[in-house]
N, C-alpha and C. Protein backbone atom coordinates (compact mmCIF):
# COMPACT_ATOMS: atom_id res chain seq x y z
N MET A 1 0.85 -1.17 0.00
CA MET A 1 0.00 0.00 0.00
C MET A 1 0.89 1.24 0.00
N LYS A 2 0.39 2.29 -0.61
CA LYS A 2 1.12 3.56 -0.67
C LYS A 2 0.21 4.69 -0.22
N ALA A 3 0.83 5.75 0.32
CA ALA A 3 0.05 6.90 0.78
C ALA A 3 0.82 8.18 0.49
N VAL A 4 0.07 9.26 0.31
CA VAL A 4 0.64 10.59 0.16
C VAL A 4 0.11 11.44 1.30
N VAL A 5 1.00 12.11 2.01
CA VAL A 5 0.62 13.03 3.08
C VAL A 5 0.95 14.43 2.60
N ILE A 6 -0.04 15.30 2.63
CA ILE A 6 0.16 16.68 2.19
C ILE A 6 0.32 17.56 3.41
N GLY A 7 1.49 18.16 3.55
CA GLY A 7 1.78 19.03 4.68
C GLY A 7 2.72 18.35 5.65
N ALA A 8 3.79 19.05 6.02
CA ALA A 8 4.80 18.50 6.92
C ALA A 8 4.85 19.26 8.23
N GLY A 9 3.66 19.60 8.74
CA GLY A 9 3.57 20.12 10.09
C GLY A 9 3.51 18.94 11.05
N ILE A 10 3.20 19.20 12.30
CA ILE A 10 3.18 18.12 13.29
C ILE A 10 2.16 17.05 12.94
N VAL A 11 1.01 17.44 12.41
CA VAL A 11 -0.01 16.45 12.05
C VAL A 11 0.44 15.62 10.86
N GLY A 12 0.96 16.26 9.83
CA GLY A 12 1.42 15.53 8.66
C GLY A 12 2.58 14.60 8.95
N VAL A 13 3.56 15.08 9.71
CA VAL A 13 4.71 14.26 10.05
C VAL A 13 4.29 13.08 10.91
N THR A 14 3.40 13.31 11.86
CA THR A 14 2.93 12.22 12.71
C THR A 14 2.12 11.21 11.91
N ALA A 15 1.29 11.70 10.99
CA ALA A 15 0.53 10.79 10.13
C ALA A 15 1.48 9.94 9.28
N ALA A 16 2.50 10.57 8.71
CA ALA A 16 3.47 9.83 7.89
C ALA A 16 4.23 8.80 8.71
N LEU A 17 4.62 9.16 9.92
CA LEU A 17 5.32 8.23 10.79
C LEU A 17 4.44 7.04 11.14
N THR A 18 3.18 7.30 11.47
CA THR A 18 2.25 6.23 11.82
C THR A 18 2.03 5.29 10.63
N LEU A 19 1.87 5.85 9.45
CA LEU A 19 1.71 5.02 8.25
C LEU A 19 2.97 4.19 7.98
N ALA A 20 4.14 4.81 8.11
CA ALA A 20 5.39 4.08 7.88
C ALA A 20 5.56 2.94 8.87
N GLU A 21 5.14 3.17 10.12
CA GLU A 21 5.22 2.11 11.13
C GLU A 21 4.32 0.93 10.78
N ALA A 22 3.28 1.18 9.98
CA ALA A 22 2.37 0.13 9.53
C ALA A 22 2.83 -0.46 8.19
N ASP A 23 4.10 -0.23 7.84
CA ASP A 23 4.71 -0.73 6.60
C ASP A 23 4.02 -0.23 5.34
N ILE A 24 3.55 1.01 5.39
CA ILE A 24 2.96 1.66 4.22
C ILE A 24 4.00 2.62 3.65
N ASP A 25 4.22 2.55 2.36
CA ASP A 25 5.14 3.48 1.70
C ASP A 25 4.52 4.87 1.68
N VAL A 26 5.26 5.85 2.19
CA VAL A 26 4.71 7.20 2.35
C VAL A 26 5.55 8.22 1.59
N VAL A 27 4.87 9.12 0.90
CA VAL A 27 5.49 10.29 0.31
C VAL A 27 4.86 11.50 0.98
N MET A 28 5.70 12.41 1.48
CA MET A 28 5.19 13.62 2.12
C MET A 28 5.46 14.82 1.21
N LEU A 29 4.44 15.62 1.00
CA LEU A 29 4.57 16.83 0.18
C LEU A 29 4.44 18.06 1.06
N GLU A 30 5.36 19.00 0.90
CA GLU A 30 5.34 20.23 1.69
C GLU A 30 5.73 21.38 0.78
N ARG A 31 4.94 22.44 0.77
CA ARG A 31 5.23 23.56 -0.14
C ARG A 31 6.36 24.44 0.35
N GLY A 32 6.66 24.39 1.63
CA GLY A 32 7.72 25.24 2.18
C GLY A 32 8.66 24.43 3.05
N GLN A 33 8.92 24.95 4.23
CA GLN A 33 9.84 24.33 5.17
C GLN A 33 9.07 23.42 6.12
N ILE A 34 9.67 22.29 6.50
CA ILE A 34 9.03 21.39 7.46
C ILE A 34 8.80 22.15 8.76
N ALA A 35 7.59 22.06 9.27
CA ALA A 35 7.17 22.76 10.50
C ALA A 35 7.40 24.26 10.40
N GLY A 36 7.28 24.80 9.20
CA GLY A 36 7.58 26.20 8.98
C GLY A 36 6.43 27.16 9.19
N GLU A 37 5.25 26.63 9.41
CA GLU A 37 4.10 27.52 9.61
C GLU A 37 3.56 27.33 11.03
N ALA A 38 2.32 26.96 11.17
CA ALA A 38 1.70 26.89 12.51
C ALA A 38 2.44 25.95 13.46
N SER A 39 2.89 24.79 12.97
CA SER A 39 3.58 23.84 13.85
C SER A 39 4.89 24.39 14.39
N GLY A 40 5.57 25.20 13.62
CA GLY A 40 6.86 25.74 14.05
C GLY A 40 6.77 27.05 14.79
N LEU A 41 5.60 27.63 14.83
CA LEU A 41 5.46 28.96 15.43
C LEU A 41 4.53 29.00 16.64
N ASN A 42 4.07 27.85 17.09
CA ASN A 42 3.14 27.85 18.22
C ASN A 42 3.89 27.87 19.55
N ALA A 43 3.16 27.90 20.62
CA ALA A 43 3.76 27.96 21.96
C ALA A 43 4.39 26.63 22.35
N GLY A 44 3.99 25.54 21.71
CA GLY A 44 4.59 24.24 22.00
C GLY A 44 4.15 23.63 23.30
N ILE A 45 2.96 23.93 23.74
CA ILE A 45 2.47 23.40 25.01
C ILE A 45 1.72 22.10 24.76
N ILE A 46 2.11 21.05 25.49
CA ILE A 46 1.41 19.78 25.42
C ILE A 46 0.84 19.52 26.79
N GLY A 47 -0.48 19.50 26.90
CA GLY A 47 -1.14 19.28 28.18
C GLY A 47 -1.53 17.83 28.37
N GLY A 48 -1.08 17.23 29.46
CA GLY A 48 -1.44 15.85 29.75
C GLY A 48 -2.81 15.74 30.35
N GLY A 49 -3.05 16.45 31.41
CA GLY A 49 -4.38 16.49 32.03
C GLY A 49 -4.71 15.33 32.92
N GLY A 50 -4.28 14.14 32.62
CA GLY A 50 -4.62 12.97 33.42
C GLY A 50 -5.98 12.41 33.06
N TRP A 51 -6.22 11.21 33.49
CA TRP A 51 -7.46 10.52 33.12
C TRP A 51 -8.64 10.93 33.97
N GLY A 52 -8.44 11.22 35.23
CA GLY A 52 -9.57 11.59 36.08
C GLY A 52 -10.54 10.44 36.28
N ASN A 53 -11.77 10.76 36.64
CA ASN A 53 -12.77 9.73 36.92
C ASN A 53 -13.55 9.29 35.70
N ALA A 54 -13.69 10.15 34.70
CA ALA A 54 -14.52 9.84 33.54
C ALA A 54 -13.76 10.16 32.25
N PRO A 55 -12.98 9.20 31.76
CA PRO A 55 -12.22 9.48 30.54
C PRO A 55 -13.15 9.79 29.37
N ASP A 56 -12.76 10.74 28.56
CA ASP A 56 -13.53 11.07 27.37
C ASP A 56 -12.60 11.14 26.17
N VAL A 57 -13.15 11.44 25.02
CA VAL A 57 -12.36 11.46 23.79
C VAL A 57 -11.24 12.49 23.86
N ASN A 58 -11.51 13.68 24.37
CA ASN A 58 -10.48 14.73 24.44
C ASN A 58 -9.32 14.31 25.31
N VAL A 59 -9.61 13.69 26.45
CA VAL A 59 -8.54 13.24 27.33
C VAL A 59 -7.74 12.13 26.65
N ALA A 60 -8.42 11.21 26.00
CA ALA A 60 -7.73 10.11 25.31
C ALA A 60 -6.81 10.66 24.22
N LEU A 61 -7.26 11.66 23.48
CA LEU A 61 -6.42 12.25 22.44
C LEU A 61 -5.22 12.98 23.03
N ARG A 62 -5.44 13.73 24.12
CA ARG A 62 -4.32 14.45 24.76
C ARG A 62 -3.28 13.47 25.29
N MET A 63 -3.74 12.43 25.97
CA MET A 63 -2.81 11.47 26.55
C MET A 63 -2.08 10.69 25.45
N GLY A 64 -2.78 10.34 24.39
CA GLY A 64 -2.14 9.65 23.27
C GLY A 64 -1.08 10.51 22.61
N SER A 65 -1.38 11.80 22.47
CA SER A 65 -0.42 12.74 21.89
C SER A 65 0.81 12.85 22.78
N ARG A 66 0.58 13.01 24.06
CA ARG A 66 1.70 13.10 25.00
C ARG A 66 2.55 11.84 24.94
N ASP A 67 1.91 10.67 24.89
CA ASP A 67 2.65 9.42 24.83
C ASP A 67 3.48 9.32 23.55
N ARG A 68 2.97 9.87 22.46
CA ARG A 68 3.69 9.84 21.19
C ARG A 68 4.96 10.68 21.28
N TYR A 69 4.88 11.85 21.90
CA TYR A 69 6.07 12.69 22.09
C TYR A 69 7.09 11.99 22.98
N ILE A 70 6.62 11.37 24.05
CA ILE A 70 7.53 10.65 24.95
C ILE A 70 8.22 9.52 24.19
N ASP A 71 7.48 8.81 23.35
CA ASP A 71 8.07 7.73 22.54
C ASP A 71 9.15 8.27 21.61
N LEU A 72 8.90 9.40 20.98
CA LEU A 72 9.89 9.97 20.06
C LEU A 72 11.19 10.29 20.78
N VAL A 73 11.09 10.76 22.02
CA VAL A 73 12.28 11.14 22.78
C VAL A 73 12.95 9.92 23.42
N ASP A 74 12.17 9.13 24.17
CA ASP A 74 12.74 8.05 24.97
C ASP A 74 13.14 6.81 24.15
N ASN A 75 12.32 6.44 23.18
CA ASN A 75 12.54 5.18 22.48
C ASN A 75 13.18 5.33 21.11
N ARG A 76 13.11 6.53 20.55
CA ARG A 76 13.63 6.71 19.20
C ARG A 76 14.83 7.65 19.17
N GLY A 77 15.13 8.29 20.31
CA GLY A 77 16.32 9.13 20.40
C GLY A 77 16.26 10.44 19.65
N HIS A 78 15.06 10.92 19.34
CA HIS A 78 14.93 12.19 18.62
C HIS A 78 14.93 13.35 19.61
N GLU A 79 15.69 14.37 19.31
CA GLU A 79 15.67 15.59 20.12
C GLU A 79 14.67 16.54 19.49
N ILE A 80 13.52 16.68 20.14
CA ILE A 80 12.45 17.50 19.57
C ILE A 80 12.10 18.68 20.47
N GLY A 81 12.91 18.93 21.48
CA GLY A 81 12.63 20.04 22.37
C GLY A 81 11.52 19.75 23.36
N PHE A 82 11.29 18.48 23.65
CA PHE A 82 10.23 18.08 24.57
C PHE A 82 10.82 18.02 25.97
N ASP A 83 10.36 18.89 26.85
CA ASP A 83 10.83 18.93 28.23
C ASP A 83 9.68 18.61 29.17
N ARG A 84 9.89 17.65 30.03
CA ARG A 84 8.86 17.32 31.02
C ARG A 84 8.96 18.30 32.17
N THR A 85 7.82 18.85 32.56
CA THR A 85 7.83 19.79 33.69
C THR A 85 6.90 19.32 34.77
């Protein structure tokens, strides 16, 4: 299977990585610089929030996102500027 990802911001790069991990051939298209627009210019805040008593979709997405960043740093050795506070 093959896939094309349009845009190399955080969403596009993460989508491409996830597809590649599933053994899908990926081509990423970007009109400018990788993470050169919204992804590269935001505050960079990742909120964990915790599960609490009643997990919902938003919490699941936040925690999954946080876990993905931790994986990139701890298990893949990428320096992405992720600091735990």
